[in-house]
PDB file of N, CA and C in Angstrom:
ATOM      1  N   UNK A   1       0.835  -1.163   0.000  1.00  0.00           N
ATOM      2  CA  UNK A   1       0.000   0.000   0.000  1.00  0.00           C
ATOM      3  C   UNK A   1       0.891   1.241   0.000  1.00  0.00           C
ATOM      4  N   UNK A   2       0.577   2.219  -0.809  1.00  0.00           N
ATOM      5  CA  UNK A   2       1.383   3.434  -0.873  1.00  0.00           C
ATOM      6  C   UNK A   2       0.776   4.508   0.013  1.00  0.00           C
ATOM      7  N   UNK A   3       1.670   5.256   0.658  1.00  0.00           N
ATOM      8  CA  UNK A   3       1.251   6.316   1.553  1.00  0.00           C
ATOM      9  C   UNK A   3       1.187   7.654   0.845  1.00  0.00           C
ATOM     10  N   UNK A   4       1.041   8.685   1.653  1.00  0.00           N
ATOM     11  CA  UNK A   4       0.875  10.046   1.172  1.00  0.00           C
ATOM     12  C   UNK A   4       2.026  10.518   0.299  1.00  0.00           C
ATOM     13  N   UNK A   5       3.219  10.005   0.510  1.00  0.00           N
ATOM     14  CA  UNK A   5       4.393  10.470  -0.216  1.00  0.00           C
ATOM     15  C   UNK A   5       4.740   9.563  -1.388  1.00  0.00           C
ATOM     16  N   UNK A   6       3.813   8.692  -1.783  1.00  0.00           N
ATOM     17  CA  UNK A   6       4.073   7.783  -2.888  1.00  0.00           C
ATOM     18  C   UNK A   6       4.995   6.654  -2.494  1.00  0.00           C
ATOM     19  N   UNK A   7       5.195   6.477  -1.195  1.00  0.00           N
ATOM     20  CA  UNK A   7       6.076   5.429  -0.699  1.00  0.00           C
ATOM     21  C   UNK A   7       5.217   4.356  -0.047  1.00  0.00           C
ATOM     22  N   UNK A   8       5.735   3.174  -0.037  1.00  0.00           N
ATOM     23  CA  UNK A   8       5.051   2.089   0.643  1.00  0.00           C
ATOM     24  C   UNK A   8       5.050   2.375   2.137  1.00  0.00           C
ATOM     25  N   UNK A   9       4.039   1.900   2.824  1.00  0.00           N
ATOM     26  CA  UNK A   9       3.937   2.117   4.255  1.00  0.00           C
ATOM     27  C   UNK A   9       4.373   0.875   5.008  1.00  0.00           C
ATOM     28  N   UNK A  10       4.839   1.081   6.224  1.00  0.00           N
ATOM     29  CA  UNK A  10       5.270  -0.057   7.024  1.00  0.00           C
ATOM     30  C   UNK A  10       4.138  -0.524   7.922  1.00  0.00           C
ATOM     31  N   UNK A  11       4.348  -1.647   8.497  1.00  0.00           N
ATOM     32  CA  UNK A  11       3.358  -2.209   9.404  1.00  0.00           C
ATOM     33  C   UNK A  11       4.066  -2.561  10.703  1.00  0.00           C
ATOM     34  N   UNK A  12       3.830  -1.766  11.773  1.00  0.00           N
ATOM     35  CA  UNK A  12       4.503  -2.002  13.046  1.00  0.00           C
ATOM     36  C   UNK A  12       4.111  -3.316  13.687  1.00  0.00           C
ATOM     37  N   UNK A  13       2.952  -3.856  13.303  1.00  0.00           N
ATOM     38  CA  UNK A  13       2.506  -5.073  13.965  1.00  0.00           C
ATOM     39  C   UNK A  13       3.413  -6.252  13.641  1.00  0.00           C
ATOM     40  N   UNK A  14       4.048  -6.249  12.504  1.00  0.00           N
ATOM     41  CA  UNK A  14       4.941  -7.348  12.139  1.00  0.00           C
ATOM     42  C   UNK A  14       6.391  -6.905  12.069  1.00  0.00           C
ATOM     43  N   UNK A  15       6.633  -5.624  12.303  1.00  0.00           N
ATOM     44  CA  UNK A  15       7.976  -5.054  12.248  1.00  0.00           C
ATOM     45  C   UNK A  15       8.645  -5.295  10.899  1.00  0.00           C
ATOM     46  N   UNK A  16       7.873  -5.192   9.853  1.00  0.00           N
ATOM     47  CA  UNK A  16       8.417  -5.210   8.502  1.00  0.00           C
ATOM     48  C   UNK A  16       7.941  -3.954   7.800  1.00  0.00           C
ATOM     49  N   UNK A  17       8.586  -3.627   6.722  1.00  0.00           N
ATOM     50  CA  UNK A  17       8.195  -2.456   5.951  1.00  0.00           C
ATOM     51  C   UNK A  17       8.065  -2.853   4.495  1.00  0.00           C
ATOM     52  N   UNK A  18       6.909  -2.658   3.962  1.00  0.00           N
ATOM     53  CA  UNK A  18       6.684  -2.912   2.546  1.00  0.00           C
ATOM     54  C   UNK A  18       7.075  -1.660   1.780  1.00  0.00           C
ATOM     55  N   UNK A  19       7.956  -1.826   0.800  1.00  0.00           N
ATOM     56  CA  UNK A  19       8.406  -0.693  -0.005  1.00  0.00           C
ATOM     57  C   UNK A  19       8.061  -0.950  -1.465  1.00  0.00           C
ATOM     58  N   UNK A  20       7.786   0.120  -2.159  1.00  0.00           N
ATOM     59  CA  UNK A  20       7.526   0.000  -3.592  1.00  0.00           C
ATOM     60  C   UNK A  20       8.830  -0.361  -4.296  1.00  0.00           C
ATOM     61  N   UNK A  21       8.713  -0.903  -5.487  1.00  0.00           N
ATOM     62  CA  UNK A  21       9.911  -1.225  -6.268  1.00  0.00           C
ATOM     63  C   UNK A  21      10.752   0.026  -6.508  1.00  0.00           C
ATOM     64  N   UNK A  22      10.090   1.145  -6.738  1.00  0.00           N
ATOM     65  CA  UNK A  22      10.792   2.412  -6.977  1.00  0.00           C
ATOM     66  C   UNK A  22      11.586   2.840  -5.744  1.00  0.00           C
ATOM     67  N   UNK A  23      10.962   2.717  -4.580  1.00  0.00           N
ATOM     68  CA  UNK A  23      11.640   3.098  -3.347  1.00  0.00           C
ATOM     69  C   UNK A  23      12.819   2.169  -3.067  1.00  0.00           C
ATOM     70  N   UNK A  24      12.617   0.870  -3.239  1.00  0.00           N
ATOM     71  CA  UNK A  24      13.706  -0.090  -3.041  1.00  0.00           C
ATOM     72  C   UNK A  24      14.877   0.233  -3.958  1.00  0.00           C
ATOM     73  N   UNK A  25      14.572   0.523  -5.209  1.00  0.00           N
ATOM     74  CA  UNK A  25      15.627   0.815  -6.181  1.00  0.00           C
ATOM     75  C   UNK A  25      16.431   2.042  -5.750  1.00  0.00           C
ATOM     76  N   UNK A  26      15.742   3.087  -5.288  1.00  0.00           N
ATOM     77  CA  UNK A  26      16.416   4.315  -4.864  1.00  0.00           C
ATOM     78  C   UNK A  26      17.289   4.068  -3.634  1.00  0.00           C
ATOM     79  N   UNK A  27      16.776   3.320  -2.667  1.00  0.00           N
ATOM     80  CA  UNK A  27      17.546   3.036  -1.452  1.00  0.00           C
ATOM     81  C   UNK A  27      18.751   2.156  -1.760  1.00  0.00           C
ATOM     82  N   UNK A  28      18.537   1.128  -2.559  1.00  0.00           N
ATOM     83  CA  UNK A  28      19.635   0.225  -2.916  1.00  0.00           C
ATOM     84  C   UNK A  28      20.703   0.975  -3.705  1.00  0.00           C
ATOM     85  N   UNK A  29      20.290   1.899  -4.544  1.00  0.00           N
ATOM     86  CA  UNK A  29      21.244   2.703  -5.302  1.00  0.00           C
ATOM     87  C   UNK A  29      22.136   3.511  -4.353  1.00  0.00           C
ATOM     88  N   UNK A  30      21.532   4.109  -3.326  1.00  0.00           N
ATOM     89  CA  UNK A  30      22.311   4.871  -2.344  1.00  0.00           C
ATOM     90  C   UNK A  30      23.290   3.963  -1.602  1.00  0.00           C
ATOM     91  N   UNK A  31      22.803   2.790  -1.187  1.00  0.00           N
ATOM     92  CA  UNK A  31      23.665   1.858  -0.463  1.00  0.00           C
ATOM     93  C   UNK A  31      24.817   1.413  -1.361  1.00  0.00           C
ATOM     94  N   UNK A  32      24.528   1.129  -2.616  1.00  0.00           N
ATOM     95  CA  UNK A  32      25.578   0.701  -3.544  1.00  0.00           C
ATOM     96  C   UNK A  32      26.633   1.782  -3.743  1.00  0.00           C
ATOM     97  N   UNK A  33      26.213   3.045  -3.759  1.00  0.00           N
ATOM     98  CA  UNK A  33      27.187   4.140  -3.864  1.00  0.00           C
ATOM     99  C   UNK A  33      28.099   4.164  -2.644  1.00  0.00           C
ATOM    100  N   UNK A  34      27.515   3.945  -1.463  1.00  0.00           N
ATOM    101  CA  UNK A  34      28.307   3.923  -0.233  1.00  0.00           C
ATOM    102  C   UNK A  34      29.292   2.754  -0.265  1.00  0.00           C
ATOM    103  N   UNK A  35      28.830   1.598  -0.714  1.00  0.00           N
ATOM    104  CA  UNK A  35      29.715   0.430  -0.841  1.00  0.00           C
ATOM    105  C   UNK A  35      30.852   0.750  -1.812  1.00  0.00           C
ATOM    106  N   UNK A  36      30.536   1.420  -2.896  1.00  0.00           N
ATOM    107  CA  UNK A  36      31.565   1.817  -3.860  1.00  0.00           C
ATOM    108  C   UNK A  36      32.586   2.754  -3.239  1.00  0.00           C
ATOM    109  N   UNK A  37      32.112   3.683  -2.419  1.00  0.00           N
ATOM    110  CA  UNK A  37      33.028   4.586  -1.724  1.00  0.00           C
ATOM    111  C   UNK A  37      33.935   3.803  -0.780  1.00  0.00           C
ATOM    112  N   UNK A  38      33.368   2.844  -0.080  1.00  0.00           N
ATOM    113  CA  UNK A  38      34.168   2.022   0.840  1.00  0.00           C
ATOM    114  C   UNK A  38      35.213   1.219   0.072  1.00  0.00           C
ATOM    115  N   UNK A  39      34.819   0.658  -1.055  1.00  0.00           N
ATOM    116  CA  UNK A  39      35.782  -0.075  -1.877  1.00  0.00           C
ATOM    117  C   UNK A  39      36.899   0.844  -2.357  1.00  0.00           C
ATOM    118  N   UNK A  40      36.551   2.083  -2.650  1.00  0.00           N
ATOM    119  CA  UNK A  40      37.556   3.058  -3.053  1.00  0.00           C
ATOM    120  C   UNK A  40      38.564   3.322  -1.945  1.00  0.00           C
ATOM    121  N   UNK A  41      38.086   3.361  -0.717  1.00  0.00           N
ATOM    122  CA  UNK A  41      38.997   3.561   0.418  1.00  0.00           C
ATOM    123  C   UNK A  41      39.913   2.354   0.582  1.00  0.00           C
ATOM    124  N   UNK A  42      39.373   1.159   0.396  1.00  0.00           N
ATOM    125  CA  UNK A  42      40.228  -0.040   0.438  1.00  0.00           C
ATOM    126  C   UNK A  42      41.379   0.093  -0.551  1.00  0.00           C
ATOM    127  N   UNK A  43      41.050   0.513  -1.749  1.00  0.00           N
ATOM    128  CA  UNK A  43      42.064   0.654  -2.789  1.00  0.00           C
ATOM    129  C   UNK A  43      43.078   1.739  -2.421  1.00  0.00           C
ATOM    130  N   UNK A  44      42.584   2.838  -1.859  1.00  0.00           N
ATOM    131  CA  UNK A  44      43.471   3.921  -1.459  1.00  0.00           C
ATOM    132  C   UNK A  44      44.471   3.440  -0.398  1.00  0.00           C
ATOM    133  N   UNK A  45      43.987   2.640   0.545  1.00  0.00           N
ATOM    134  CA  UNK A  45      44.862   2.111   1.595  1.00  0.00           C
ATOM    135  C   UNK A  45      45.896   1.174   0.990  1.00  0.00           C
ATOM    136  N   UNK A  46      45.439   0.297   0.097  1.00  0.00           N
ATOM    137  CA  UNK A  46      46.367  -0.628  -0.562  1.00  0.00           C
ATOM    138  C   UNK A  46      47.438   0.116  -1.349  1.00  0.00           C
ATOM    139  N   UNK A  47      47.081   1.280  -1.891  1.00  0.00           N
ATOM    140  CA  UNK A  47      48.006   2.071  -2.702  1.00  0.00           C
ATOM    141  C   UNK A  47      48.828   3.051  -1.859  1.00  0.00           C
ATOM    142  N   UNK A  48      48.702   2.965  -0.539  1.00  0.00           N
ATOM    143  CA  UNK A  48      49.423   3.855   0.370  1.00  0.00           C
ATOM    144  C   UNK A  48      49.156   5.330   0.085  1.00  0.00           C
ATOM    145  N   UNK A  49      47.899   5.637  -0.199  1.00  0.00           N
ATOM    146  CA  UNK A  49      47.537   7.036  -0.460  1.00  0.00           C
ATOM    147  C   UNK A  49      47.694   7.867   0.797  1.00  0.00           C
ATOM    148  N   UNK A  50      47.836   9.144   0.605  1.00  0.00           N
ATOM    149  CA  UNK A  50      48.032  10.115   1.680  1.00  0.00           C
ATOM    150  C   UNK A  50      46.837  10.092   2.635  1.00  0.00           C
ATOM    151  N   UNK A  51      47.125  10.151   3.939  1.00  0.00           N
ATOM    152  CA  UNK A  51      46.082  10.071   4.974  1.00  0.00           C
ATOM    153  C   UNK A  51      44.978  11.106   4.761  1.00  0.00           C
ATOM    154  N   UNK A  52      45.372  12.316   4.426  1.00  0.00           N
ATOM    155  CA  UNK A  52      44.400  13.387   4.229  1.00  0.00           C
ATOM    156  C   UNK A  52      43.370  13.009   3.158  1.00  0.00           C
ATOM    157  N   UNK A  53      43.832  12.407   2.065  1.00  0.00           N
ATOM    158  CA  UNK A  53      42.932  12.004   0.981  1.00  0.00           C
ATOM    159  C   UNK A  53      41.931  10.946   1.467  1.00  0.00           C
ATOM    160  N   UNK A  54      42.418  10.015   2.272  1.00  0.00           N
ATOM    161  CA  UNK A  54      41.545   8.959   2.797  1.00  0.00           C
ATOM    162  C   UNK A  54      40.545   9.550   3.785  1.00  0.00           C
ATOM    163  N   UNK A  55      41.011  10.461   4.633  1.00  0.00           N
ATOM    164  CA  UNK A  55      40.109  11.086   5.596  1.00  0.00           C
ATOM    165  C   UNK A  55      39.000  11.877   4.915  1.00  0.00           C
ATOM    166  N   UNK A  56      39.328  12.532   3.821  1.00  0.00           N
ATOM    167  CA  UNK A  56      38.312  13.271   3.066  1.00  0.00           C
ATOM    168  C   UNK A  56      37.257  12.306   2.535  1.00  0.00           C
ATOM    169  N   UNK A  57      37.685  11.163   2.046  1.00  0.00           N
ATOM    170  CA  UNK A  57      36.737  10.165   1.540  1.00  0.00           C
ATOM    171  C   UNK A  57      35.895   9.582   2.677  1.00  0.00           C
ATOM    172  N   UNK A  58      36.518   9.362   3.824  1.00  0.00           N
ATOM    173  CA  UNK A  58      35.757   8.876   4.986  1.00  0.00           C
ATOM    174  C   UNK A  58      34.689   9.879   5.404  1.00  0.00           C
ATOM    175  N   UNK A  59      35.025  11.147   5.339  1.00  0.00           N
ATOM    176  CA  UNK A  59      34.051  12.191   5.652  1.00  0.00           C
ATOM    177  C   UNK A  59      32.890  12.160   4.660  1.00  0.00           C
ATOM    178  N   UNK A  60      33.192  11.933   3.402  1.00  0.00           N
ATOM    179  CA  UNK A  60      32.145  11.851   2.377  1.00  0.00           C
ATOM    180  C   UNK A  60      31.224  10.651   2.639  1.00  0.00           C
ATOM    181  N   UNK A  61      31.810   9.547   3.057  1.00  0.00           N
ATOM    182  CA  UNK A  61      31.010   8.358   3.367  1.00  0.00           C
ATOM    183  C   UNK A  61      30.128   8.622   4.580  1.00  0.00           C
ATOM    184  N   UNK A  62      30.700   9.258   5.581  1.00  0.00           N
ATOM    185  CA  UNK A  62      29.922   9.597   6.772  1.00  0.00           C
ATOM    186  C   UNK A  62      28.706  10.442   6.384  1.00  0.00           C
ATOM    187  N   UNK A  63      28.920  11.423   5.517  1.00  0.00           N
ATOM    188  CA  UNK A  63      27.827  12.269   5.053  1.00  0.00           C
ATOM    189  C   UNK A  63      26.785  11.438   4.293  1.00  0.00           C
ATOM    190  N   UNK A  64      27.235  10.547   3.448  1.00  0.00           N
ATOM    191  CA  UNK A  64      26.310   9.710   2.671  1.00  0.00           C
ATOM    192  C   UNK A  64      25.461   8.821   3.575  1.00  0.00           C
ATOM    193  N   UNK A  65      26.086   8.245   4.582  1.00  0.00           N
ATOM    194  CA  UNK A  65      25.353   7.380   5.507  1.00  0.00           C
ATOM    195  C   UNK A  65      24.353   8.190   6.322  1.00  0.00           C
ATOM    196  N   UNK A  66      24.768   9.346   6.794  1.00  0.00           N
ATOM    197  CA  UNK A  66      23.843  10.191   7.558  1.00  0.00           C
ATOM    198  C   UNK A  66      22.665  10.644   6.697  1.00  0.00           C
ATOM    199  N   UNK A  67      22.936  10.973   5.463  1.00  0.00           N
ATOM    200  CA  UNK A  67      21.877  11.385   4.550  1.00  0.00           C
ATOM    201  C   UNK A  67      20.862  10.255   4.353  1.00  0.00           C
ATOM    202  N   UNK A  68      21.349   9.048   4.157  1.00  0.00           N
ATOM    203  CA  UNK A  68      20.474   7.888   4.007  1.00  0.00           C
ATOM    204  C   UNK A  68      19.694   7.639   5.296  1.00  0.00           C
ATOM    205  N   UNK A  69      20.355   7.763   6.429  1.00  0.00           N
ATOM    206  CA  UNK A  69      19.682   7.562   7.716  1.00  0.00           C
ATOM    207  C   UNK A  69      18.567   8.578   7.925  1.00  0.00           C
ATOM    208  N   UNK A  70      18.825   9.832   7.616  1.00  0.00           N
ATOM    209  CA  UNK A  70      17.806  10.860   7.792  1.00  0.00           C
ATOM    210  C   UNK A  70      16.639  10.659   6.830  1.00  0.00           C
ATOM    211  N   UNK A  71      16.929  10.210   5.632  1.00  0.00           N
ATOM    212  CA  UNK A  71      15.867   9.904   4.673  1.00  0.00           C
ATOM    213  C   UNK A  71      14.970   8.790   5.221  1.00  0.00           C
ATOM    214  N   UNK A  72      15.593   7.747   5.751  1.00  0.00           N
ATOM    215  CA  UNK A  72      14.823   6.640   6.316  1.00  0.00           C
ATOM    216  C   UNK A  72      14.027   7.095   7.540  1.00  0.00           C
ATOM    217  N   UNK A  73      14.633   7.927   8.383  1.00  0.00           N
ATOM    218  CA  UNK A  73      13.944   8.427   9.571  1.00  0.00           C
ATOM    219  C   UNK A  73      12.754   9.299   9.185  1.00  0.00           C
ATOM    220  N   UNK A  74      12.955  10.158   8.208  1.00  0.00           N
ATOM    221  CA  UNK A  74      11.865  11.022   7.746  1.00  0.00           C
ATOM    222  C   UNK A  74      10.699  10.184   7.233  1.00  0.00           C
ATOM    223  N   UNK A  75      11.002   9.177   6.438  1.00  0.00           N
ATOM    224  CA  UNK A  75       9.971   8.297   5.894  1.00  0.00           C
ATOM    225  C   UNK A  75       9.247   7.581   7.024  1.00  0.00           C
ATOM    226  N   UNK A  76      10.013   7.094   7.997  1.00  0.00           N
ATOM    227  CA  UNK A  76       9.447   6.380   9.136  1.00  0.00           C
ATOM    228  C   UNK A  76       8.486   7.279   9.909  1.00  0.00           C
ATOM    229  N   UNK A  77       8.881   8.529  10.121  1.00  0.00           N
ATOM    230  CA  UNK A  77       8.030   9.472  10.860  1.00  0.00           C
ATOM    231  C   UNK A  77       6.735   9.766  10.104  1.00  0.00           C
ATOM    232  N   UNK A  78       6.837   9.942   8.794  1.00  0.00           N
ATOM    233  CA  UNK A  78       5.662  10.301   7.996  1.00  0.00           C
ATOM    234  C   UNK A  78       4.703   9.135   7.772  1.00  0.00           C
ATOM    235  N   UNK A  79       5.184   7.923   7.897  1.00  0.00           N
ATOM    236  CA  UNK A  79       4.313   6.777   7.631  1.00  0.00           C
ATOM    237  C   UNK A  79       4.035   6.006   8.915  1.00  0.00           C
ATOM    238  N   UNK A  80       4.993   5.259   9.370  1.00  0.00           N
ATOM    239  CA  UNK A  80       4.799   4.347  10.508  1.00  0.00           C
ATOM    240  C   UNK A  80       4.386   5.072  11.780  1.00  0.00           C
ATOM    241  N   UNK A  81       5.174   6.072  12.163  1.00  0.00           N
ATOM    242  CA  UNK A  81       4.914   6.762  13.426  1.00  0.00           C
ATOM    243  C   UNK A  81       3.588   7.507  13.356  1.00  0.00           C
ATOM    244  N   UNK A  82       3.362   8.215  12.281  1.00  0.00           N
ATOM    245  CA  UNK A  82       2.115   8.953  12.107  1.00  0.00           C
ATOM    246  C   UNK A  82       0.906   8.029  12.234  1.00  0.00           C
ATOM    247  N   UNK A  83       0.963   6.901  11.563  1.00  0.00           N
ATOM    248  CA  UNK A  83      -0.158   5.961  11.592  1.00  0.00           C
ATOM    249  C   UNK A  83      -0.376   5.396  12.999  1.00  0.00           C
ATOM    250  N   UNK A  84       0.727   5.060  13.674  1.00  0.00           N
ATOM    251  CA  UNK A  84       0.603   4.509  15.028  1.00  0.00           C
ATOM    252  C   UNK A  84       0.016   5.538  15.993  1.00  0.00           C
ATOM    253  N   UNK A  85       0.393   6.789  15.858  1.00  0.00           N
ATOM    254  CA  UNK A  85      -0.174   7.832  16.703  1.00  0.00           C
ATOM    255  C   UNK A  85      -1.665   8.014  16.425  1.00  0.00           C
ATOM    256  N   UNK A  86      -2.057   7.944  15.162  1.00  0.00           N
ATOM    257  CA  UNK A  86      -3.475   8.050  14.820  1.00  0.00           C
ATOM    258  C   UNK A  86      -4.289   6.909  15.423  1.00  0.00           C
ATOM    259  N   UNK A  87      -3.645   5.760  15.582  1.00  0.00           N
ATOM    260  CA  UNK A  87      -4.307   4.609  16.205  1.00  0.00           C
ATOM    261  C   UNK A  87      -4.347   4.741  17.726  1.00  0.00           C
ATOM    262  N   UNK A  88      -3.632   5.734  18.262  1.00  0.00           N
ATOM    263  CA  UNK A  88      -3.585   5.917  19.705  1.00  0.00           C
ATOM    264  C   UNK A  88      -2.440   5.176  20.376  1.00  0.00           C
ATOM    265  N   UNK A  89      -1.534   4.620  19.595  1.00  0.00           N
ATOM    266  CA  UNK A  89      -0.394   3.880  20.139  1.00  0.00           C
ATOM    267  C   UNK A  89       0.715   4.860  20.512  1.00  0.00           C
ATOM    268  N   UNK A  90       0.745   5.236  21.781  1.00  0.00           N
ATOM    269  CA  UNK A  90       1.756   6.187  22.229  1.00  0.00           C
ATOM    270  C   UNK A  90       3.088   5.512  22.540  1.00  0.00           C
ATOM    271  N   UNK A  91       3.157   4.191  22.509  1.00  0.00           N
ATOM    272  CA  UNK A  91       4.423   3.480  22.718  1.00  0.00           C
ATOM    273  C   UNK A  91       5.412   3.802  21.604  1.00  0.00           C
ATOM    274  N   UNK A  92       4.899   4.279  20.487  1.00  0.00           N
ATOM    275  CA  UNK A  92       5.768   4.618  19.369  1.00  0.00           C
ATOM    276  C   UNK A  92       6.717   5.762  19.746  1.00  0.00           C
ATOM    277  N   UNK A  93       6.326   6.572  20.750  1.00  0.00           N
ATOM    278  CA  UNK A  93       7.226   7.635  21.218  1.00  0.00           C
ATOM    279  C   UNK A  93       8.530   7.048  21.752  1.00  0.00           C
ATOM    280  N   UNK A  94       8.436   5.936  22.492  1.00  0.00           N
ATOM    281  CA  UNK A  94       9.636   5.287  23.024  1.00  0.00           C
ATOM    282  C   UNK A  94      10.538   4.805  21.891  1.00  0.00           C
ATOM    283  N   UNK A  95       9.927   4.268  20.840  1.00  0.00           N
ATOM    284  CA  UNK A  95      10.706   3.807  19.680  1.00  0.00           C
ATOM    285  C   UNK A  95      11.460   4.966  19.053  1.00  0.00           C
ATOM    286  N   UNK A  96      10.778   6.078  18.888  1.00  0.00           N
ATOM    287  CA  UNK A  96      11.407   7.260  18.279  1.00  0.00           C
ATOM    288  C   UNK A  96      12.518   7.810  19.179  1.00  0.00           C
ATOM    289  N   UNK A  97      12.265   7.868  20.474  1.00  0.00           N
ATOM    290  CA  UNK A  97      13.306   8.347  21.392  1.00  0.00           C
ATOM    291  C   UNK A  97      14.542   7.466  21.320  1.00  0.00           C
ATOM    292  N   UNK A  98      14.352   6.159  21.244  1.00  0.00           N
ATOM    293  CA  UNK A  98      15.491   5.250  21.102  1.00  0.00           C
ATOM    294  C   UNK A  98      16.246   5.508  19.804  1.00  0.00           C
ATOM    295  N   UNK A  99      15.508   5.770  18.732  1.00  0.00           N
ATOM    296  CA  UNK A  99      16.165   6.074  17.456  1.00  0.00           C
ATOM    297  C   UNK A  99      16.986   7.361  17.553  1.00  0.00           C
ATOM    298  N   UNK A 100      16.419   8.387  18.165  1.00  0.00           N
ATOM    299  CA  UNK A 100      17.142   9.649  18.302  1.00  0.00           C
ATOM    300  C   UNK A 100      18.407   9.479  19.135  1.00  0.00           C
ATOM    301  N   UNK A 101      18.356   8.639  20.166  1.00  0.00           N
ATOM    302  CA  UNK A 101      19.541   8.384  20.976  1.00  0.00           C
ATOM    303  C   UNK A 101      20.639   7.759  20.136  1.00  0.00           C
ATOM    304  N   UNK A 102      20.281   6.901  19.215  1.00  0.00           N
ATOM    305  CA  UNK A 102      21.273   6.248  18.347  1.00  0.00           C
ATOM    306  C   UNK A 102      21.905   7.236  17.372  1.00  0.00           C
ATOM    307  N   UNK A 103      21.169   8.273  16.991  1.00  0.00           N
ATOM    308  CA  UNK A 103      21.691   9.254  16.062  1.00  0.00           C
ATOM    309  C   UNK A 103      22.639  10.238  16.738  1.00  0.00           C
ATOM    310  N   UNK A 104      22.578  10.311  18.089  1.00  0.00           N
ATOM    311  CA  UNK A 104      23.361  11.273  18.854  1.00  0.00           C
ATOM    312  C   UNK A 104      24.797  11.158  18.637  1.00  0.00           C
TER     313      UNK A 104
END
C-alpha cells in the first residue's frame, strides 16, 4: 500500500516495511554508492595514499550514511509513526526516542 508520499507504508505489527519497487531501487542505489566509496577507500589504503585524501573520503562516506539515515527516519516518521499515533499507540514515542539516541 502506498502512503501520502508515494512510498510504501510499514506495518509495526509485524515489524516489517513494505516498499515499492521504486523506493527499493532508490535506497539500494544509495547503499551501492556507499559500498563503492568504501571499496575506493580499500584501494586507497592498498596504494598507500596520503592520509588526508583517505580522511576526506571517509568524511564523504559519513555524510552519505547520515543522509540515508535521515531519509529513512523522515519516511518512518511520515508513515509508521504517524499511523501509530493516529491509532492511539503512544508506545511509538519510546521507539522514536530510542532512534534519536542512536543518532546522537
